[in-house]
Protein backbone atom coordinates (compact mmCIF):
# COMPACT_ATOMS: atom_id res chain seq x y z
CA MET A 1 0.00 0.00 0.00
CA PRO A 2 1.42 3.44 -0.88
CA THR A 3 2.35 5.85 1.86
CA ARG A 4 0.90 9.34 2.05
CA ARG A 5 4.04 10.82 0.45
CA GLN A 6 4.33 8.62 -2.61
CA PHE A 7 3.52 9.69 -6.13
CA ILE A 8 2.29 7.65 -9.06
CA GLN A 9 3.57 8.94 -12.38
CA GLY A 10 1.83 8.42 -15.67
CA GLY A 11 0.57 10.32 -18.71
CA ALA A 12 -1.17 13.64 -18.51
CA ILE A 13 -2.81 12.60 -15.25
CA ALA A 14 -0.46 11.56 -12.49
CA VAL A 15 -1.98 10.39 -9.25
CA THR A 16 -0.43 11.53 -6.01
CA ALA A 17 -1.08 10.57 -2.42
CA VAL A 18 -2.08 13.13 0.17
CA VAL A 19 0.64 14.05 2.62
CA SER A 20 0.74 13.06 6.26
CA GLY A 21 0.76 15.50 9.13
CA PRO A 22 -1.76 17.60 11.06
CA ALA A 23 -5.17 18.21 9.60
CA ALA A 24 -5.20 21.27 7.33
CA GLU A 25 -7.96 23.28 5.74
CA HIS A 26 -8.22 22.72 2.00
CA THR A 27 -7.96 26.02 0.21
CA ALA A 28 -7.61 27.24 -3.33
CA ALA A 29 -4.34 28.87 -2.29
CA ALA A 30 -2.62 25.52 -1.74
CA ALA A 31 -3.41 24.38 -5.26
CA SER A 32 -2.47 27.69 -6.85
CA GLU A 33 0.91 27.57 -5.13
CA GLY A 34 1.57 24.11 -6.54
CA SER A 35 1.66 22.39 -3.16
CA VAL A 36 0.28 18.96 -2.36
CA PRO A 37 -2.97 19.31 -0.38
CA ALA A 38 -3.14 17.76 3.06
CA PRO A 39 -5.94 15.24 3.59
CA HIS A 40 -9.14 16.21 5.26
CA PRO A 41 -9.11 15.13 8.92
CA LEU A 42 -10.67 11.71 9.43
CA LEU A 43 -12.46 13.14 12.46
CA THR A 44 -14.18 16.47 11.86
CA PRO A 45 -14.04 18.62 15.01
CA ALA A 46 -17.54 19.05 16.40
CA ASN A 47 -17.53 22.80 15.76
CA GLU A 48 -16.46 22.36 12.12
CA PHE A 49 -19.38 20.23 10.88
CA ARG A 50 -21.47 22.06 8.33
CA ASP A 51 -24.71 23.13 10.00
CA VAL A 52 -28.06 22.45 8.32
CA SER A 53 -30.19 22.67 11.47
CA ARG A 54 -33.86 23.54 11.23
CA GLY A 55 -36.13 25.59 13.47
CA ASN A 56 -36.80 29.19 14.42
CA PRO A 57 -35.04 29.74 16.69
CA LYS A 58 -32.69 26.86 16.06
CA PRO A 59 -32.53 24.65 19.16
CA HIS A 60 -28.79 25.02 19.60
CA THR A 61 -29.15 28.81 19.92
CA LEU A 62 -31.26 28.53 23.08
CA THR A 63 -29.65 29.60 26.36
CA GLY A 64 -30.33 29.71 30.08
CA GLU A 65 -33.82 28.86 31.27
CA ASP A 66 -34.99 28.27 27.69
CA LEU A 67 -32.54 25.35 27.46
CA VAL A 68 -33.79 23.95 30.75
CA GLN A 69 -37.43 24.21 29.69
CA ALA A 70 -36.57 22.54 26.38
CA ARG A 71 -34.89 19.66 28.27
CA LEU A 72 -31.72 20.19 26.26
CA THR A 73 -29.20 20.12 29.09
CA PRO A 74 -27.56 16.90 30.36
CA ASP A 75 -29.47 17.20 33.63
CA THR A 76 -32.89 17.89 32.09
CA TRP A 77 -32.79 15.66 28.99
CA ARG A 78 -35.50 13.00 28.96
CA LEU A 79 -36.60 10.44 26.39
CA GLU A 80 -40.20 9.27 26.18
CA ILE A 81 -40.95 5.85 24.66
CA ILE A 82 -44.66 5.37 24.11
CA ALA A 83 -47.18 3.21 22.27
CA ASP A 84 -48.95 4.97 19.42
CA PRO A 85 -52.74 4.41 19.67
CA PHE A 86 -53.12 4.80 15.88
CA THR A 87 -55.69 2.67 14.06
CA SER A 88 -57.43 3.08 10.70
CA ASP A 89 -59.62 1.26 8.24
CA VAL A 90 -56.55 -0.75 7.31
CA VAL A 91 -54.73 -0.87 10.67
CA LYS A 92 -57.25 -2.56 12.93
CA GLU A 93 -55.19 -2.92 16.11
CA PRO A 94 -52.93 -0.39 17.82
CA ALA A 95 -49.38 -1.06 18.98
CA ASN A 96 -49.12 -2.53 22.45
CA VAL A 97 -46.12 -2.01 24.75
CA GLU A 98 -45.61 -3.78 28.06
CA LYS A 99 -43.81 -0.80 29.62
CA GLN A 100 -43.85 2.82 28.51
CA PHE A 101 -41.53 5.62 29.60
CA THR A 102 -43.30 8.96 29.95
CA LEU A 103 -42.78 12.41 31.38
CA ALA A 104 -46.20 12.34 33.00
CA ASP A 105 -45.38 9.47 35.35
CA GLY A 106 -41.72 10.39 35.81
CA THR A 107 -40.38 7.28 34.09
CA ALA A 108 -38.92 8.94 30.96
CA LEU A 109 -35.34 7.80 30.37
CA ASP A 110 -32.65 10.20 31.57
CA LEU A 111 -29.06 10.57 30.38
CA PRO A 112 -27.38 8.68 33.28
CA ALA A 113 -29.67 5.71 32.60
CA LEU A 114 -28.80 5.74 28.89
CA ILE A 115 -25.06 6.02 29.58
CA GLY A 116 -25.37 3.23 32.14
CA LEU A 117 -26.94 1.03 29.47
CA GLY A 118 -24.00 1.91 27.23
CA GLU A 119 -21.57 0.45 29.75
CA THR A 120 -22.84 -3.02 28.89
CA CYS A 121 -23.97 -2.74 25.28
CA GLY A 122 -22.49 0.50 23.96
CA VAL A 123 -21.19 0.90 20.38
CA ARG A 124 -18.77 3.24 18.61
CA TYR A 125 -18.75 3.91 14.88
CA LEU A 126 -16.91 6.23 12.49
CA LYS A 127 -19.63 7.68 10.25
CA ALA A 128 -19.78 10.38 7.62
CA VAL A 129 -22.78 12.71 7.72
CA GLN A 130 -24.30 13.84 4.45
CA CYS A 131 -27.60 15.53 3.71
CA LEU A 132 -29.92 14.14 1.05
CA ASN A 133 -29.91 17.19 -1.22
CA ILE A 134 -26.62 18.94 -0.45
CA ALA A 135 -23.61 18.86 -2.75
CA GLU A 136 -20.90 18.28 -0.13
CA PRO A 137 -20.47 16.19 3.03
CA LEU A 138 -21.20 17.76 6.41
CA GLY A 139 -18.38 16.02 8.28
CA GLN A 140 -17.33 12.74 9.85
CA GLY A 141 -17.21 11.75 13.49
CA LEU A 142 -16.68 8.90 15.90
CA TRP A 143 -20.16 8.47 17.35
CA GLU A 144 -20.79 6.54 20.57
CA GLY A 145 -24.06 5.36 22.08
CA VAL A 146 -26.53 2.54 22.67
CA PRO A 147 -28.22 0.43 19.96
CA LEU A 148 -31.86 1.35 19.53
CA ARG A 149 -32.84 -2.29 19.89
CA ASP A 150 -31.33 -2.42 23.39
CA VAL A 151 -33.25 0.68 24.40
CA LEU A 152 -36.48 -0.81 23.06
CA ARG A 153 -35.89 -4.01 25.03
CA LEU A 154 -36.49 -1.94 28.14
CA CYS A 155 -40.12 -1.82 27.04
CA GLY A 156 -40.61 -5.57 27.47
CA ALA A 157 -43.03 -7.41 25.20
CA LEU A 158 -44.13 -5.55 22.07
CA GLN A 159 -47.18 -6.37 19.97
CA ASN A 160 -48.34 -4.91 16.65
CA VAL A 161 -45.24 -2.75 16.29
CA ARG A 162 -44.32 -2.26 12.62
CA ARG A 163 -42.56 1.09 12.65
CA ILE A 164 -40.56 3.28 14.99
CA PHE A 165 -41.45 6.98 14.83
CA TYR A 166 -39.09 9.45 16.52
CA HIS A 167 -38.54 13.19 16.74
CA GLY A 168 -36.38 15.76 18.48
CA PHE A 169 -37.08 18.99 20.30
CA HIS A 170 -39.17 21.60 18.56
CA ASN A 171 -40.85 24.77 19.74
CA ASN A 172 -44.43 23.41 19.80
CA ASP A 173 -45.04 24.84 16.35
CA PRO A 174 -46.25 21.91 14.20
CA GLN A 175 -44.51 23.46 11.20
CA GLN A 176 -41.18 23.17 13.02
CA LEU A 177 -41.55 19.48 13.90
CA PHE A 178 -38.82 17.40 12.29
CA GLN A 179 -39.34 13.67 12.52
CA SER A 180 -38.25 10.41 10.96
CA SER A 181 -39.01 6.71 11.14
CA LEU A 182 -37.65 3.21 10.70
CA SER A 183 -39.25 -0.14 10.17
CA TYR A 184 -39.18 -2.47 13.15
CA ALA A 185 -36.71 -4.69 11.31
CA GLN A 186 -34.34 -1.78 10.61
CA ALA A 187 -34.35 -0.91 14.30
CA MET A 188 -33.84 -4.45 15.58
CA GLU A 189 -31.64 -6.13 12.95
CA ASN A 190 -28.47 -5.40 11.04
CA ALA A 191 -26.45 -7.44 8.57
CA PRO A 192 -23.28 -9.04 9.96
CA GLY A 193 -20.51 -6.48 9.95
CA ASP A 194 -22.90 -3.54 9.65
CA PRO A 195 -23.43 -1.17 12.59
CA PRO A 196 -26.88 -0.97 14.20
CA VAL A 197 -29.06 2.10 14.53
CA PHE A 198 -28.12 3.71 17.84
CA LEU A 199 -28.81 6.58 20.23
CA ALA A 200 -25.58 8.60 20.39
CA TYR A 201 -24.42 10.69 23.33
CA LYS A 202 -20.73 11.15 22.44
CA LEU A 203 -18.93 12.59 19.42
CA ASN A 204 -15.16 12.19 19.05
CA GLY A 205 -14.91 11.05 22.66
CA ASP A 206 -16.78 13.99 24.19
CA PRO A 207 -20.46 14.64 24.98
CA ILE A 208 -22.30 15.66 21.81
CA PRO A 209 -22.55 19.46 21.86
CA LEU A 210 -25.89 21.13 21.41
CA SER A 211 -24.84 22.36 17.97
CA ARG A 212 -24.47 18.74 16.78
CA GLY A 213 -27.77 17.53 18.22
CA GLY A 214 -26.85 16.77 21.82
CA PRO A 215 -27.40 15.73 24.49
CA VAL A 216 -28.68 12.71 22.49
CA ARG A 217 -29.35 12.16 18.80
CA MET A 218 -30.27 9.19 16.66
CA ILE A 219 -27.58 7.78 14.37
CA VAL A 220 -28.73 5.69 11.39
CA PRO A 221 -25.40 4.60 9.85
CA TRP A 222 -26.60 3.67 6.35
CA ALA A 223 -28.83 6.70 5.87
CA TYR A 224 -28.64 10.36 4.99
CA GLY A 225 -28.63 12.87 7.81
CA PHE A 226 -32.39 13.43 7.99
CA LYS A 227 -32.73 9.97 9.57
CA SER A 228 -30.23 10.83 12.32
CA ILE A 229 -32.57 13.17 14.18
CA LYS A 230 -30.95 15.73 16.49
CA TRP A 231 -32.08 16.61 20.04
CA LEU A 232 -33.93 13.29 20.33
CA GLN A 233 -36.82 13.39 22.82
CA ARG A 234 -39.56 10.94 21.85
CA ILE A 235 -39.89 7.48 20.33
CA SER A 236 -43.34 6.21 19.35
CA LEU A 237 -43.91 2.52 18.64
CA THR A 238 -46.68 2.19 16.09
CA ASN A 239 -48.62 -0.29 13.99
CA ASP A 240 -48.79 2.29 11.21
CA TYR A 241 -46.89 0.77 8.28
CA GLN A 242 -46.27 4.10 6.51
CA ALA A 243 -43.25 6.36 6.95
CA ASN A 244 -43.94 9.64 8.73
CA ASP A 245 -40.64 11.32 7.83
CA THR A 246 -40.67 15.08 7.36
CA TYR A 247 -38.58 14.58 4.23
CA ALA A 248 -41.13 12.13 2.81
CA LYS A 249 -43.64 14.97 2.77
CA GLN A 250 -41.31 17.00 0.55
CA ASN A 251 -41.12 14.55 -2.37
CA ASN A 252 -38.00 12.79 -1.03
CA ASP A 253 -37.39 9.06 -0.79
CA PRO A 254 -37.36 8.47 3.00
CA ASP A 255 -35.65 5.08 2.68
CA SER A 256 -32.90 6.02 0.24
CA PRO A 257 -29.52 4.78 1.52
CA MET A 258 -26.46 7.02 1.48
CA LYS A 259 -24.82 6.70 -1.93
CA THR A 260 -21.18 6.09 -2.75
CA ALA A 261 -19.97 9.41 -4.14
CA ALA A 262 -16.81 11.42 -4.80
CA TYR A 263 -16.63 15.14 -4.06
CA LEU A 264 -14.19 17.80 -5.33
CA ASP A 265 -12.48 20.39 -3.17
CA LYS A 266 -12.73 23.99 -4.33
CA LEU A 267 -9.81 25.02 -6.54
CA PRO A 268 -8.63 28.02 -8.61
CA ASN A 269 -9.87 28.36 -12.18
CA GLN A 270 -6.57 29.40 -13.75
CA PHE A 271 -2.99 28.09 -13.71
CA PRO A 272 0.24 28.96 -15.55
CA VAL A 273 1.75 26.56 -18.08
CA GLY A 274 4.25 24.24 -16.42
CA ARG A 275 2.58 24.24 -13.01
CA THR A 276 1.66 20.86 -11.56
CA ILE A 277 -1.99 21.08 -10.58
CA TYR A 278 -2.94 19.14 -7.47
CA VAL A 279 -6.58 18.16 -7.25
CA SER A 280 -8.18 16.65 -4.17
CA GLY A 281 -11.47 15.78 -2.60
CA ARG A 282 -13.36 13.34 -0.43
CA VAL A 283 -15.27 10.16 -1.11
CA ILE A 284 -18.05 8.53 0.91
CA SER A 285 -18.29 4.76 0.91
CA GLY A 286 -22.05 4.41 0.90
CA PHE A 287 -24.46 1.51 1.06
CA SER A 288 -22.82 -0.21 -1.93
CA GLY A 289 -19.21 0.25 -0.76
CA LEU A 290 -16.29 1.73 -2.68
CA GLU A 291 -14.02 0.17 -5.29
CA ARG A 292 -12.15 3.29 -6.44
CA VAL A 293 -12.23 6.98 -7.32
CA GLU A 294 -11.44 7.84 -10.92
CA ALA A 295 -11.02 10.93 -13.06
CA TRP A 296 -11.29 11.97 -16.70
CA LEU A 297 -9.43 15.02 -17.98
CA HIS A 298 -11.02 16.54 -21.09
CA ARG A 299 -9.58 19.36 -23.15
CA MET A 300 -12.31 21.71 -24.28
CA GLU A 301 -11.74 22.59 -27.93
CA PRO A 302 -12.88 26.04 -29.17
CA GLY A 303 -16.18 25.89 -30.97
CA LYS A 304 -17.03 22.42 -29.69
CA PRO A 305 -20.19 21.97 -27.59
CA PRO A 306 -19.68 21.24 -23.89
CA VAL A 307 -19.70 17.63 -22.74
CA VAL A 308 -23.04 16.48 -21.38
CA TYR A 309 -23.31 13.60 -18.97
CA ASP A 310 -23.82 10.31 -20.83
CA ASP A 311 -23.43 11.82 -24.30
CA VAL A 312 -21.21 10.25 -26.98
CA VAL A 313 -18.04 11.99 -25.81
CA TYR A 314 -18.70 11.14 -22.17
CA ARG A 315 -19.32 7.47 -22.92
CA ALA A 316 -16.02 7.28 -24.83
CA ALA A 317 -14.00 8.76 -21.95
CA GLU A 318 -10.93 6.99 -20.61
CA TRP A 319 -10.92 7.17 -16.83
CA THR A 320 -7.80 7.06 -14.66
CA ALA A 321 -7.81 5.78 -11.09
CA CYS A 322 -7.04 8.37 -8.41
CA LEU A 323 -5.10 7.55 -5.29
CA LEU A 324 -7.11 7.01 -2.15
CA GLU A 325 -5.77 8.14 1.19
CA PRO A 326 -4.44 4.95 2.86
CA GLU A 327 -5.76 3.71 6.17
CA PRO A 328 -3.77 5.24 9.04
CA SER A 329 -0.89 3.02 10.11
CA ASP A 330 -1.58 3.82 13.74
CA TRP A 331 -5.13 4.72 14.75
CA ARG A 332 -3.91 5.98 18.11
CA HIS A 333 -3.03 9.21 16.31
CA VAL A 334 -6.61 9.51 15.03
CA LEU A 335 -8.99 8.21 17.68
CA PRO A 336 -9.59 10.38 20.75
CA GLY A 337 -8.35 9.61 24.23
CA GLU A 338 -7.59 6.01 25.01
CA ILE A 339 -10.06 4.53 22.51
CA SER A 340 -8.61 1.54 20.69
CA PRO A 341 -9.76 0.62 17.15
CA ALA A 342 -10.59 -2.79 18.63
CA GLU A 343 -13.45 -1.00 20.43
CA VAL A 344 -14.87 0.50 17.23
CA LEU A 345 -17.32 -1.34 14.98
CA GLY A 346 -15.90 -2.08 11.55
CA PHE A 347 -12.43 -2.98 12.87
CA ASP A 348 -10.87 -6.40 13.35
CA PRO A 349 -10.32 -6.65 17.13
CA ASN A 350 -7.18 -8.73 16.64
CA THR A 351 -5.35 -6.75 13.96
CA LYS A 352 -6.97 -3.43 14.91
CA ARG A 353 -7.29 -2.66 11.20
CA ALA A 354 -10.42 -1.62 9.34
CA ARG A 355 -12.26 -4.56 7.78
CA THR A 356 -12.87 -2.37 4.71
CA TRP A 357 -11.26 0.89 3.72
CA PRO A 358 -12.76 3.41 3.69
CA LEU A 359 -15.05 2.19 6.42
CA ARG A 360 -18.56 1.45 5.30
CA TYR A 361 -20.58 4.70 5.59
CA GLY A 362 -17.27 6.46 6.23
CA MET A 363 -15.27 9.00 4.30
CA ALA A 364 -11.65 9.39 3.18
CA SER A 365 -9.61 11.77 1.03
CA TRP A 366 -8.38 11.20 -2.51
CA SER A 367 -5.99 13.20 -4.67
CA LEU A 368 -4.27 13.40 -8.04
CA ALA A 369 -1.77 15.57 -9.89
CA LEU A 370 -2.13 16.99 -13.39
CA ARG A 371 1.23 17.50 -15.09
CA ASP A 372 2.60 18.84 -18.36
CA LEU A 373 -0.65 20.41 -19.52
CA GLU A 374 -0.52 22.62 -22.59
CA ALA A 375 -2.27 25.95 -22.67
CA GLY A 376 -6.01 25.65 -23.09
CA GLN A 377 -9.36 25.12 -21.42
CA TYR A 378 -9.93 21.89 -19.49
CA GLU A 379 -12.56 20.13 -17.46
CA LEU A 380 -11.98 17.34 -14.99
CA HIS A 381 -14.75 14.86 -14.17
CA VAL A 382 -14.45 12.83 -10.97
CA ARG A 383 -16.60 9.89 -9.92
CA ALA A 384 -16.69 6.95 -7.53
CA VAL A 385 -17.16 3.33 -8.52
CA ASP A 386 -18.91 1.08 -6.01
CA LEU A 387 -18.33 -2.59 -5.21
CA ASN A 388 -21.10 -3.57 -7.63
CA GLY A 389 -19.18 -1.92 -10.46
CA TYR A 390 -21.63 0.99 -10.76
CA ALA A 391 -19.98 4.30 -11.58
CA GLN A 392 -21.47 7.41 -10.03
CA PRO A 393 -24.25 8.47 -10.48
CA GLU A 394 -25.48 4.91 -11.08
CA PRO A 395 -27.72 3.39 -9.91
CA ARG A 396 -29.60 6.39 -11.18
CA PRO A 397 -31.60 7.92 -8.34
CA MET A 398 -35.20 8.89 -8.55
CA LEU A 399 -36.00 12.52 -7.89
CA LYS A 400 -34.53 13.64 -4.56
CA ALA A 401 -33.23 10.23 -3.50
CA GLY A 402 -29.72 11.53 -2.84
CA LYS A 403 -27.76 14.16 -4.75
CA ASN A 404 -25.18 12.15 -6.68
CA ALA A 405 -24.16 14.05 -9.82
CA VAL A 406 -20.66 13.63 -11.23
CA GLU A 407 -18.75 16.74 -10.17
CA VAL A 408 -16.84 18.71 -12.82
CA TYR A 409 -13.94 21.10 -12.30
CA ARG A 410 -13.25 23.57 -15.14
CA PHE A 411 -10.02 25.54 -15.40
CA GLU A 412 -7.66 27.27 -17.80
CA VAL A 413 -3.93 26.77 -18.34
CA SER A 414 -2.33 29.87 -19.86
């Protein structure tokens, strides 16, 4: 496996590894100066995640007594788990739960109880966060918490439960309610090697800050961010078989898994002849895994029409593999505190190496170098190829089932 300082030479496109060292912000200046970009940090600091929070005011802007009344402090946070009485012409019987946890009777789950449960069945997972309709990832963190199934087992026997509805804090305005749902099977089962859905209370080894959805948020590893509800406060067990997701009401696919996709960092649009151009970005290994990241450099001839995705020119393109950031040789320099990779799902406990790289539902950096380019106009297309052999954006998504277009970088050499 190449180190972070090795280069691969070849043709007009030469692929280069990202350098090792402290995490650095990717800027257009680095590329314009002809320097090799540092990789994105594998753990995004909590305060550097891109924020797409909803609400007016946004919950993480509350302070003082407003936070206490909203039950958004570690001492006041509570989680209700209730049976939904819903029935209809189709759903004849409501869900039945042996034991409910409510605010009214003082039994709602508090944070010490949840953390205590985590001492016996807690999980940690390195997951990238991406929104369904946003063109760049929001960040990646080491999330820690308790599997949803273990929390639901506190309720005892369940009958007629087909879906799990859940929502976070909102300001009692129905228009501000943001909610999501899972099937009972998604909550209780996961394929071998895949992480379960879990209630997270730590991010990168520390309590989840309010800005990232703390004290407790849902984490659905295989899904886009709208499933991982922030400021979690209520779970309803229902016999309703239909999704209730806020996003489903906006013409989105509420069950669309996170797609394997490559993303480009922002770069200058002009370079001098003779300058090596370093291009970089990130790639998410989604539901279908990742085989490689690849690029196609196309010179734009004057008077010729622009390339359109899947046209004759695009289909004839010759793609070159980019170099993926290698797995860290020593995860102690990445993971916070005294956490060992053996304690993180997705790692072999004996070798302490990732079972797949990048980790499933995780994110890593990629890079390449463009050398010896003549003067002219160019465009660079970058895409991911999954383990099924599908090249981004395949399998083609339905409307609003996950933004997955092939990104294009246009620049001039003069």
